[in-house]
Amino acid sequence: MPDEPIKPFEPEKSATPPEKSVADQLNEEFAQEAEKLAKPKGEDAHIRIEFNSPFG
């Protein structure tokens, strides 16, 4: 065995961290789909969709 001390396991860190979390990406995709499907009839007809993500 080598004489080097045992290092604790450290997960590899990617050089470029993801810009958005998976939850953020899914929320954006859902919002885009909702906008395509939502066709308001009249000025006061609008749809508001909000997400409370469990991922932060």
N, C-alpha and C. Protein backbone atom coordinates (compact mmCIF):
# COMPACT_ATOMS: atom_id res chain seq x y z
N MET A 1 0.85 -1.20 0.00
CA MET A 1 0.00 0.00 0.00
C MET A 1 0.88 1.25 0.00
N PRO A 2 0.44 2.29 -0.69
CA PRO A 2 1.24 3.53 -0.69
C PRO A 2 1.19 4.20 0.67
N ASP A 3 2.17 5.05 0.91
CA ASP A 3 2.25 5.74 2.19
C ASP A 3 1.39 7.01 2.25
N GLU A 4 0.62 7.25 1.19
CA GLU A 4 -0.21 8.46 1.17
C GLU A 4 -1.36 8.33 2.15
N PRO A 5 -1.74 9.43 2.80
CA PRO A 5 -2.90 9.36 3.70
C PRO A 5 -4.18 9.15 2.90
N ILE A 6 -5.15 8.50 3.50
CA ILE A 6 -6.41 8.24 2.82
C ILE A 6 -7.23 9.52 2.83
N LYS A 7 -7.67 9.92 1.64
CA LYS A 7 -8.47 11.14 1.53
C LYS A 7 -9.96 10.78 1.59
N PRO A 8 -10.77 11.61 2.21
CA PRO A 8 -12.22 11.36 2.18
C PRO A 8 -12.73 11.50 0.75
N PHE A 9 -13.77 10.75 0.44
CA PHE A 9 -14.32 10.80 -0.91
C PHE A 9 -14.92 12.16 -1.18
N GLU A 10 -14.56 12.74 -2.32
CA GLU A 10 -15.14 14.00 -2.75
C GLU A 10 -15.70 13.83 -4.15
N PRO A 11 -16.99 14.11 -4.32
CA PRO A 11 -17.55 13.98 -5.67
C PRO A 11 -16.88 14.96 -6.62
N GLU A 12 -16.73 14.54 -7.86
CA GLU A 12 -16.07 15.40 -8.83
C GLU A 12 -16.94 16.62 -9.11
N LYS A 13 -16.32 17.77 -9.20
CA LYS A 13 -17.04 18.99 -9.51
C LYS A 13 -16.80 19.30 -10.98
N SER A 14 -17.88 19.50 -11.70
CA SER A 14 -17.73 19.80 -13.12
C SER A 14 -17.17 21.21 -13.28
N ALA A 15 -16.46 21.41 -14.36
CA ALA A 15 -15.83 22.71 -14.60
C ALA A 15 -16.89 23.79 -14.81
N THR A 16 -18.01 23.40 -15.42
CA THR A 16 -19.08 24.37 -15.64
C THR A 16 -20.33 23.87 -14.93
N PRO A 17 -20.69 24.51 -13.82
CA PRO A 17 -21.90 24.08 -13.10
C PRO A 17 -23.13 24.35 -13.95
N PRO A 18 -24.16 23.56 -13.78
CA PRO A 18 -25.38 23.79 -14.57
C PRO A 18 -25.96 25.17 -14.25
N GLU A 19 -26.44 25.84 -15.29
CA GLU A 19 -26.95 27.20 -15.09
C GLU A 19 -28.26 27.18 -14.32
N LYS A 20 -29.07 26.14 -14.55
CA LYS A 20 -30.38 26.07 -13.91
C LYS A 20 -30.57 24.67 -13.36
N SER A 21 -31.32 24.58 -12.29
CA SER A 21 -31.62 23.27 -11.75
C SER A 21 -32.63 22.57 -12.66
N VAL A 22 -32.77 21.28 -12.48
CA VAL A 22 -33.73 20.51 -13.28
C VAL A 22 -35.14 21.05 -13.05
N ALA A 23 -35.45 21.38 -11.80
CA ALA A 23 -36.79 21.90 -11.50
C ALA A 23 -37.05 23.19 -12.26
N ASP A 24 -36.05 24.07 -12.31
CA ASP A 24 -36.22 25.33 -13.04
C ASP A 24 -36.45 25.08 -14.53
N GLN A 25 -35.71 24.11 -15.09
CA GLN A 25 -35.88 23.81 -16.50
C GLN A 25 -37.28 23.28 -16.77
N LEU A 26 -37.76 22.38 -15.89
CA LEU A 26 -39.10 21.82 -16.09
C LEU A 26 -40.16 22.90 -15.93
N ASN A 27 -39.98 23.79 -14.96
CA ASN A 27 -40.94 24.87 -14.77
C ASN A 27 -41.00 25.76 -16.00
N GLU A 28 -39.84 26.06 -16.58
CA GLU A 28 -39.82 26.91 -17.77
C GLU A 28 -40.51 26.21 -18.95
N GLU A 29 -40.21 24.92 -19.11
CA GLU A 29 -40.82 24.18 -20.22
C GLU A 29 -42.33 24.14 -20.05
N PHE A 30 -42.78 23.90 -18.82
CA PHE A 30 -44.22 23.84 -18.57
C PHE A 30 -44.86 25.20 -18.85
N ALA A 31 -44.20 26.26 -18.42
CA ALA A 31 -44.75 27.60 -18.63
C ALA A 31 -44.85 27.90 -20.13
N GLN A 32 -43.86 27.49 -20.89
CA GLN A 32 -43.90 27.72 -22.34
C GLN A 32 -45.06 26.96 -22.97
N GLU A 33 -45.25 25.70 -22.56
CA GLU A 33 -46.36 24.91 -23.10
C GLU A 33 -47.69 25.54 -22.70
N ALA A 34 -47.78 26.01 -21.47
CA ALA A 34 -49.02 26.62 -20.99
C ALA A 34 -49.34 27.88 -21.81
N GLU A 35 -48.31 28.65 -22.13
CA GLU A 35 -48.53 29.86 -22.93
C GLU A 35 -49.05 29.50 -24.31
N LYS A 36 -48.54 28.41 -24.89
CA LYS A 36 -49.00 27.99 -26.21
C LYS A 36 -50.46 27.56 -26.17
N LEU A 37 -50.83 26.87 -25.07
CA LEU A 37 -52.18 26.34 -24.98
C LEU A 37 -53.19 27.41 -24.53
N ALA A 38 -52.73 28.39 -23.78
CA ALA A 38 -53.64 29.40 -23.25
C ALA A 38 -53.89 30.46 -24.30
N LYS A 39 -55.14 30.51 -24.77
CA LYS A 39 -55.50 31.54 -25.74
C LYS A 39 -56.63 32.35 -25.13
N PRO A 40 -56.27 33.45 -24.48
CA PRO A 40 -57.28 34.25 -23.78
C PRO A 40 -58.33 34.81 -24.72
N LYS A 41 -59.56 34.85 -24.26
CA LYS A 41 -60.65 35.42 -25.05
C LYS A 41 -61.10 36.69 -24.33
N GLY A 42 -60.65 37.81 -24.80
CA GLY A 42 -60.99 39.06 -24.15
C GLY A 42 -59.83 39.56 -23.30
N GLU A 43 -59.91 40.83 -22.93
CA GLU A 43 -58.81 41.44 -22.20
C GLU A 43 -58.67 40.93 -20.78
N ASP A 44 -59.81 40.57 -20.15
CA ASP A 44 -59.74 40.17 -18.75
C ASP A 44 -59.53 38.66 -18.58
N ALA A 45 -59.43 37.93 -19.67
CA ALA A 45 -59.22 36.49 -19.56
C ALA A 45 -57.72 36.21 -19.59
N HIS A 46 -57.18 35.84 -18.46
CA HIS A 46 -55.76 35.49 -18.41
C HIS A 46 -55.56 34.35 -17.42
N ILE A 47 -54.50 33.62 -17.62
CA ILE A 47 -54.19 32.47 -16.78
C ILE A 47 -52.86 32.72 -16.09
N ARG A 48 -52.84 32.49 -14.80
CA ARG A 48 -51.60 32.65 -14.04
C ARG A 48 -51.26 31.31 -13.41
N ILE A 49 -50.08 30.81 -13.73
CA ILE A 49 -49.63 29.53 -13.20
C ILE A 49 -48.38 29.77 -12.36
N GLU A 50 -48.41 29.27 -11.13
CA GLU A 50 -47.24 29.40 -10.27
C GLU A 50 -46.81 28.04 -9.78
N PHE A 51 -45.51 27.89 -9.60
CA PHE A 51 -44.95 26.66 -9.07
C PHE A 51 -44.26 26.95 -7.76
N ASN A 52 -44.47 26.08 -6.80
CA ASN A 52 -43.65 26.08 -5.60
C ASN A 52 -42.82 24.81 -5.69
N SER A 53 -41.58 24.96 -6.09
CA SER A 53 -40.74 23.80 -6.31
C SER A 53 -40.22 23.23 -5.00
N PRO A 54 -40.33 21.91 -4.83
CA PRO A 54 -39.79 21.29 -3.62
C PRO A 54 -38.27 21.24 -3.65
N PHE A 55 -37.67 21.59 -4.78
CA PHE A 55 -36.22 21.49 -4.92
C PHE A 55 -35.50 22.79 -4.56
N GLY A 56 -36.25 23.80 -4.17
CA GLY A 56 -35.59 25.04 -3.78
C GLY A 56 -35.80 26.05 -4.77
